[in-house]
């Protein structure tokens, strides 16, 4: 199963492959991160943020950065065809998980693709 992740403008940018070790792929097929419980880690071991209840993705400041179909604050754009999944890199040892912040309703100023690619 795959869960589409939209940016704050309703553009599909990534997806969570729940049947593929909970890997997060960009739309171009590049694996960039994975979930460990509700924590988002890059393959470089960096803790990126949280994906709470598989509905909203938060950055380290507790601001909303990624959304699902039921939580996106904007009109959803049509999903283009996905590229084939590329080979996943080896996971680097995880850095310490950052203490959860107070999660906010405000949107992050960080671009969702840049946020996820920081885990490469």
N, C-alpha and C. Protein backbone atom coordinates (compact mmCIF):
# COMPACT_ATOMS: atom_id res chain seq x y z
N UNK A 1 0.84 -1.18 0.00
CA UNK A 1 0.00 0.00 0.00
C UNK A 1 0.88 1.24 0.00
N UNK A 2 0.43 2.28 -0.68
CA UNK A 2 1.17 3.54 -0.76
C UNK A 2 0.28 4.69 -0.32
N UNK A 3 0.86 5.59 0.48
CA UNK A 3 0.15 6.77 0.95
C UNK A 3 0.82 7.99 0.32
N UNK A 4 0.08 8.74 -0.47
CA UNK A 4 0.62 9.94 -1.11
C UNK A 4 0.82 11.04 -0.07
N UNK A 5 1.94 11.73 -0.19
CA UNK A 5 2.26 12.85 0.69
C UNK A 5 2.31 14.11 -0.16
N UNK A 6 1.47 15.08 0.20
CA UNK A 6 1.34 16.34 -0.54
C UNK A 6 2.04 17.47 0.19
N UNK A 7 2.50 18.46 -0.58
CA UNK A 7 3.02 19.66 0.06
C UNK A 7 1.86 20.58 0.42
N UNK A 8 2.14 21.72 1.01
CA UNK A 8 1.09 22.61 1.49
C UNK A 8 0.25 23.22 0.37
N UNK A 9 0.73 23.11 -0.88
CA UNK A 9 -0.02 23.63 -2.02
C UNK A 9 -0.86 22.55 -2.71
N UNK A 10 -0.84 21.33 -2.16
CA UNK A 10 -1.64 20.24 -2.72
C UNK A 10 -0.95 19.45 -3.81
N UNK A 11 0.35 19.68 -4.01
CA UNK A 11 1.12 18.96 -5.03
C UNK A 11 1.64 17.65 -4.45
N UNK A 12 1.38 16.52 -5.13
CA UNK A 12 1.94 15.25 -4.65
C UNK A 12 3.46 15.26 -4.86
N UNK A 13 4.20 15.10 -3.78
CA UNK A 13 5.66 15.18 -3.84
C UNK A 13 6.36 13.88 -3.49
N UNK A 14 5.70 13.06 -2.68
CA UNK A 14 6.33 11.84 -2.19
C UNK A 14 5.24 10.84 -1.84
N UNK A 15 5.69 9.64 -1.50
CA UNK A 15 4.74 8.64 -1.03
C UNK A 15 5.42 7.69 -0.07
N UNK A 16 4.62 7.19 0.84
CA UNK A 16 5.08 6.22 1.83
C UNK A 16 4.66 4.84 1.34
N UNK A 17 5.64 3.97 1.13
CA UNK A 17 5.37 2.59 0.72
C UNK A 17 5.31 1.75 1.99
N UNK A 18 4.11 1.54 2.49
CA UNK A 18 3.94 0.82 3.76
C UNK A 18 4.33 -0.64 3.64
N UNK A 19 4.30 -1.19 2.43
CA UNK A 19 4.66 -2.59 2.23
C UNK A 19 6.12 -2.76 1.84
N UNK A 20 6.89 -1.67 1.89
CA UNK A 20 8.30 -1.69 1.49
C UNK A 20 9.14 -1.11 2.63
N UNK A 21 9.05 -1.71 3.80
CA UNK A 21 9.83 -1.30 4.97
C UNK A 21 9.56 0.15 5.36
N UNK A 22 8.32 0.61 5.07
CA UNK A 22 7.87 1.97 5.41
C UNK A 22 8.82 3.03 4.87
N UNK A 23 9.21 2.83 3.61
CA UNK A 23 10.13 3.74 2.93
C UNK A 23 9.36 4.89 2.32
N UNK A 24 9.96 6.09 2.38
CA UNK A 24 9.39 7.27 1.74
C UNK A 24 10.18 7.54 0.48
N UNK A 25 9.46 7.60 -0.64
CA UNK A 25 10.05 7.85 -1.95
C UNK A 25 9.58 9.20 -2.47
N UNK A 26 10.46 9.90 -3.18
CA UNK A 26 10.02 11.07 -3.93
C UNK A 26 9.29 10.57 -5.16
N UNK A 27 8.55 11.44 -5.82
CA UNK A 27 7.76 11.04 -6.97
C UNK A 27 8.62 10.49 -8.09
N UNK A 28 9.91 10.90 -8.12
CA UNK A 28 10.81 10.42 -9.17
C UNK A 28 11.39 9.03 -8.86
N UNK A 29 10.92 8.40 -7.78
CA UNK A 29 11.35 7.05 -7.42
C UNK A 29 12.53 6.99 -6.49
N UNK A 30 13.09 8.14 -6.12
CA UNK A 30 14.25 8.18 -5.24
C UNK A 30 13.85 7.90 -3.79
N UNK A 31 14.41 6.86 -3.16
CA UNK A 31 14.13 6.62 -1.74
C UNK A 31 14.92 7.63 -0.91
N UNK A 32 14.23 8.33 -0.02
CA UNK A 32 14.89 9.39 0.73
C UNK A 32 14.83 9.23 2.25
N UNK A 33 13.85 8.50 2.74
CA UNK A 33 13.67 8.39 4.19
C UNK A 33 12.84 7.15 4.49
N UNK A 34 12.68 6.91 5.79
CA UNK A 34 11.84 5.80 6.23
C UNK A 34 11.25 6.13 7.59
N UNK A 35 10.21 5.41 7.95
CA UNK A 35 9.58 5.60 9.25
C UNK A 35 10.06 4.55 10.24
N UNK A 36 10.30 5.01 11.45
CA UNK A 36 10.56 4.13 12.58
C UNK A 36 9.54 4.58 13.63
N UNK A 37 8.48 3.81 13.78
CA UNK A 37 7.29 4.24 14.53
C UNK A 37 6.79 5.52 13.87
N UNK A 38 6.70 6.62 14.59
CA UNK A 38 6.24 7.88 13.97
C UNK A 38 7.40 8.81 13.62
N UNK A 39 8.63 8.36 13.82
CA UNK A 39 9.81 9.16 13.53
C UNK A 39 10.22 8.98 12.07
N UNK A 40 10.62 10.08 11.44
CA UNK A 40 11.11 10.05 10.06
C UNK A 40 12.63 10.15 10.12
N UNK A 41 13.31 9.16 9.53
CA UNK A 41 14.76 9.16 9.45
C UNK A 41 15.18 9.12 7.99
N UNK A 42 16.25 9.85 7.68
CA UNK A 42 16.87 9.74 6.37
C UNK A 42 17.75 8.51 6.34
N UNK A 43 18.08 8.05 5.15
CA UNK A 43 18.99 6.91 5.04
C UNK A 43 20.38 7.26 5.55
N UNK A 44 20.65 8.58 5.69
CA UNK A 44 21.93 9.02 6.24
C UNK A 44 21.92 8.96 7.77
N UNK A 45 20.82 8.50 8.37
CA UNK A 45 20.70 8.35 9.81
C UNK A 45 20.14 9.56 10.52
N UNK A 46 19.95 10.66 9.80
CA UNK A 46 19.49 11.91 10.39
C UNK A 46 17.99 11.84 10.73
N UNK A 47 17.66 12.28 11.94
CA UNK A 47 16.24 12.38 12.33
C UNK A 47 15.68 13.63 11.67
N UNK A 48 14.62 13.45 10.86
CA UNK A 48 14.07 14.58 10.10
C UNK A 48 12.84 15.19 10.75
N UNK A 49 11.99 14.37 11.32
CA UNK A 49 10.74 14.88 11.88
C UNK A 49 9.83 13.73 12.25
N UNK A 50 8.52 13.98 12.17
CA UNK A 50 7.52 13.00 12.59
C UNK A 50 6.40 12.90 11.57
N UNK A 51 5.81 11.72 11.50
CA UNK A 51 4.62 11.50 10.67
C UNK A 51 3.57 10.95 11.64
N UNK A 52 2.77 11.84 12.17
CA UNK A 52 1.83 11.49 13.23
C UNK A 52 0.57 10.85 12.67
N UNK A 53 0.26 9.69 13.18
CA UNK A 53 -0.95 8.94 12.84
C UNK A 53 -1.16 8.79 11.33
N UNK A 54 -0.06 8.80 10.58
CA UNK A 54 -0.10 8.66 9.11
C UNK A 54 -1.03 9.70 8.48
N UNK A 55 -1.05 10.89 9.07
CA UNK A 55 -1.92 11.95 8.54
C UNK A 55 -1.17 13.23 8.24
N UNK A 56 -0.27 13.64 9.14
CA UNK A 56 0.46 14.89 8.95
C UNK A 56 1.93 14.66 9.25
N UNK A 57 2.80 15.20 8.39
CA UNK A 57 4.23 15.14 8.56
C UNK A 57 4.67 16.48 9.17
N UNK A 58 5.51 16.42 10.20
CA UNK A 58 5.98 17.62 10.89
C UNK A 58 7.49 17.74 10.81
N UNK A 59 7.98 18.99 10.71
CA UNK A 59 9.41 19.22 10.75
C UNK A 59 9.87 19.26 12.22
N UNK A 60 11.14 19.52 12.45
CA UNK A 60 11.68 19.50 13.82
C UNK A 60 11.14 20.63 14.69
N UNK A 61 10.58 21.66 14.06
CA UNK A 61 9.99 22.77 14.82
C UNK A 61 8.52 22.52 15.15
N UNK A 62 8.01 21.36 14.75
CA UNK A 62 6.62 21.03 15.02
C UNK A 62 5.64 21.65 14.05
N UNK A 63 6.14 22.14 12.91
CA UNK A 63 5.26 22.75 11.91
C UNK A 63 4.90 21.72 10.83
N UNK A 64 3.70 21.83 10.32
CA UNK A 64 3.20 20.91 9.29
C UNK A 64 3.99 21.09 8.00
N UNK A 65 4.46 19.99 7.44
CA UNK A 65 5.23 20.07 6.20
C UNK A 65 4.72 19.12 5.12
N UNK A 66 4.06 18.04 5.50
CA UNK A 66 3.53 17.08 4.54
C UNK A 66 2.14 16.63 4.96
N UNK A 67 1.31 16.33 3.98
CA UNK A 67 -0.10 16.05 4.26
C UNK A 67 -0.58 14.85 3.44
N UNK A 68 -1.62 14.20 3.92
CA UNK A 68 -2.28 13.14 3.17
C UNK A 68 -3.55 13.71 2.54
N UNK A 69 -4.26 12.88 1.82
CA UNK A 69 -5.46 13.36 1.13
C UNK A 69 -6.50 13.94 2.09
N UNK A 70 -6.57 13.42 3.30
CA UNK A 70 -7.59 13.91 4.23
C UNK A 70 -7.14 15.10 5.07
N UNK A 71 -5.83 15.43 5.05
CA UNK A 71 -5.36 16.53 5.88
C UNK A 71 -4.81 17.72 5.09
N UNK A 72 -4.68 17.59 3.77
CA UNK A 72 -4.07 18.65 2.97
C UNK A 72 -4.93 19.92 3.03
N UNK A 73 -4.31 21.07 3.32
CA UNK A 73 -5.06 22.32 3.45
C UNK A 73 -5.42 22.97 2.12
N UNK A 74 -4.92 22.43 1.02
CA UNK A 74 -5.18 23.00 -0.30
C UNK A 74 -5.88 21.97 -1.19
N UNK A 75 -6.42 22.46 -2.29
CA UNK A 75 -7.02 21.55 -3.28
C UNK A 75 -5.93 20.61 -3.80
N UNK A 76 -6.26 19.34 -3.88
CA UNK A 76 -5.28 18.35 -4.33
C UNK A 76 -5.10 18.42 -5.84
N UNK A 77 -3.85 18.41 -6.27
CA UNK A 77 -3.54 18.37 -7.69
C UNK A 77 -3.51 16.92 -8.15
N UNK A 78 -3.73 16.71 -9.43
CA UNK A 78 -3.75 15.36 -9.99
C UNK A 78 -2.37 14.73 -9.84
N UNK A 79 -2.36 13.48 -9.44
CA UNK A 79 -1.10 12.76 -9.28
C UNK A 79 -0.54 12.38 -10.65
N UNK A 80 0.67 12.86 -10.98
CA UNK A 80 1.29 12.41 -12.23
C UNK A 80 1.76 10.97 -12.07
N UNK A 81 2.15 10.36 -13.17
CA UNK A 81 2.65 9.00 -13.12
C UNK A 81 3.95 8.96 -12.32
N UNK A 82 4.07 7.97 -11.44
CA UNK A 82 5.28 7.80 -10.63
C UNK A 82 6.37 7.14 -11.46
N UNK A 83 7.60 7.52 -11.19
CA UNK A 83 8.74 6.83 -11.78
C UNK A 83 8.98 5.54 -11.02
N UNK A 84 9.68 4.62 -11.65
CA UNK A 84 10.00 3.35 -10.99
C UNK A 84 10.86 3.60 -9.76
N UNK A 85 10.65 2.78 -8.74
CA UNK A 85 11.43 2.90 -7.51
C UNK A 85 12.89 2.57 -7.79
N UNK A 86 13.76 3.42 -7.27
CA UNK A 86 15.19 3.18 -7.38
C UNK A 86 15.64 2.35 -6.17
N UNK A 87 16.81 1.79 -6.26
CA UNK A 87 17.34 0.95 -5.19
C UNK A 87 17.56 1.77 -3.93
N UNK A 88 17.16 1.20 -2.80
CA UNK A 88 17.33 1.88 -1.52
C UNK A 88 18.79 1.79 -1.08
N UNK A 89 19.31 2.89 -0.53
CA UNK A 89 20.66 2.83 0.02
C UNK A 89 20.65 2.09 1.35
N UNK A 90 21.79 1.74 1.83
CA UNK A 90 21.92 1.10 3.13
C UNK A 90 21.63 2.16 4.20
N UNK A 91 20.90 1.76 5.22
CA UNK A 91 20.59 2.69 6.31
C UNK A 91 21.84 2.90 7.17
N UNK A 92 22.16 4.17 7.39
CA UNK A 92 23.24 4.54 8.30
C UNK A 92 22.68 4.52 9.72
N UNK A 93 23.54 4.33 10.71
CA UNK A 93 23.08 4.32 12.11
C UNK A 93 22.32 5.61 12.40
N UNK A 94 21.20 5.47 13.11
CA UNK A 94 20.34 6.61 13.41
C UNK A 94 20.96 7.53 14.46
N UNK A 95 20.79 8.83 14.23
CA UNK A 95 21.17 9.80 15.25
C UNK A 95 20.09 9.79 16.32
N UNK A 96 20.36 10.43 17.41
CA UNK A 96 19.38 10.49 18.50
C UNK A 96 18.10 11.18 18.02
N UNK A 97 16.99 10.66 18.46
CA UNK A 97 15.71 11.26 18.15
C UNK A 97 15.57 12.56 18.93
N UNK A 98 15.14 13.58 18.24
CA UNK A 98 14.92 14.88 18.86
C UNK A 98 13.65 14.81 19.70
N UNK A 99 13.67 15.48 20.84
CA UNK A 99 12.47 15.53 21.68
C UNK A 99 11.33 16.14 20.89
N UNK A 100 10.17 15.53 20.98
CA UNK A 100 9.01 16.05 20.24
C UNK A 100 8.68 17.45 20.71
N UNK A 101 8.48 18.36 19.74
CA UNK A 101 8.07 19.72 20.07
C UNK A 101 6.56 19.77 20.30
N UNK A 102 6.06 20.93 20.61
CA UNK A 102 4.62 21.13 20.60
C UNK A 102 4.23 21.22 19.13
N UNK A 103 3.39 20.31 18.68
CA UNK A 103 2.99 20.31 17.28
C UNK A 103 2.00 21.43 17.03
N UNK A 104 2.21 22.13 15.92
CA UNK A 104 1.43 23.32 15.61
C UNK A 104 0.57 23.11 14.37
N UNK A 105 -0.40 23.97 14.18
CA UNK A 105 -1.21 23.95 12.97
C UNK A 105 -0.55 24.75 11.85
N UNK A 106 0.43 25.59 12.20
CA UNK A 106 1.08 26.42 11.18
C UNK A 106 1.91 25.56 10.25
N UNK A 107 2.08 26.06 9.02
CA UNK A 107 2.81 25.32 8.00
C UNK A 107 4.28 25.70 8.00
N UNK A 108 5.12 24.74 7.73
CA UNK A 108 6.56 24.96 7.66
C UNK A 108 6.91 25.80 6.44
N UNK A 109 7.96 26.59 6.57
CA UNK A 109 8.47 27.37 5.44
C UNK A 109 9.41 26.53 4.58
N UNK A 110 9.77 25.35 5.06
CA UNK A 110 10.69 24.47 4.34
C UNK A 110 9.93 23.75 3.22
N UNK A 111 10.56 23.62 2.08
CA UNK A 111 10.00 22.88 0.96
C UNK A 111 10.00 21.39 1.30
N UNK A 112 8.88 20.71 1.06
CA UNK A 112 8.76 19.29 1.42
C UNK A 112 9.84 18.44 0.75
N UNK A 113 10.09 18.64 -0.52
CA UNK A 113 11.11 17.84 -1.22
C UNK A 113 12.49 18.07 -0.62
N UNK A 114 12.82 19.33 -0.31
CA UNK A 114 14.12 19.63 0.30
C UNK A 114 14.23 18.98 1.68
N UNK A 115 13.14 19.05 2.43
CA UNK A 115 13.10 18.43 3.76
C UNK A 115 13.42 16.94 3.66
N UNK A 116 12.77 16.24 2.76
CA UNK A 116 12.98 14.81 2.61
C UNK A 116 14.36 14.49 2.04
N UNK A 117 14.82 15.29 1.11
CA UNK A 117 16.13 15.04 0.50
C UNK A 117 17.29 15.28 1.47
N UNK A 118 17.03 16.00 2.57
CA UNK A 118 18.10 16.19 3.55
C UNK A 118 18.47 14.88 4.23
N UNK A 119 17.69 13.84 4.00
CA UNK A 119 17.97 12.52 4.55
C UNK A 119 18.78 11.63 3.64
N UNK A 120 19.20 12.14 2.50
CA UNK A 120 19.99 11.33 1.56
C UNK A 120 21.44 11.28 1.94
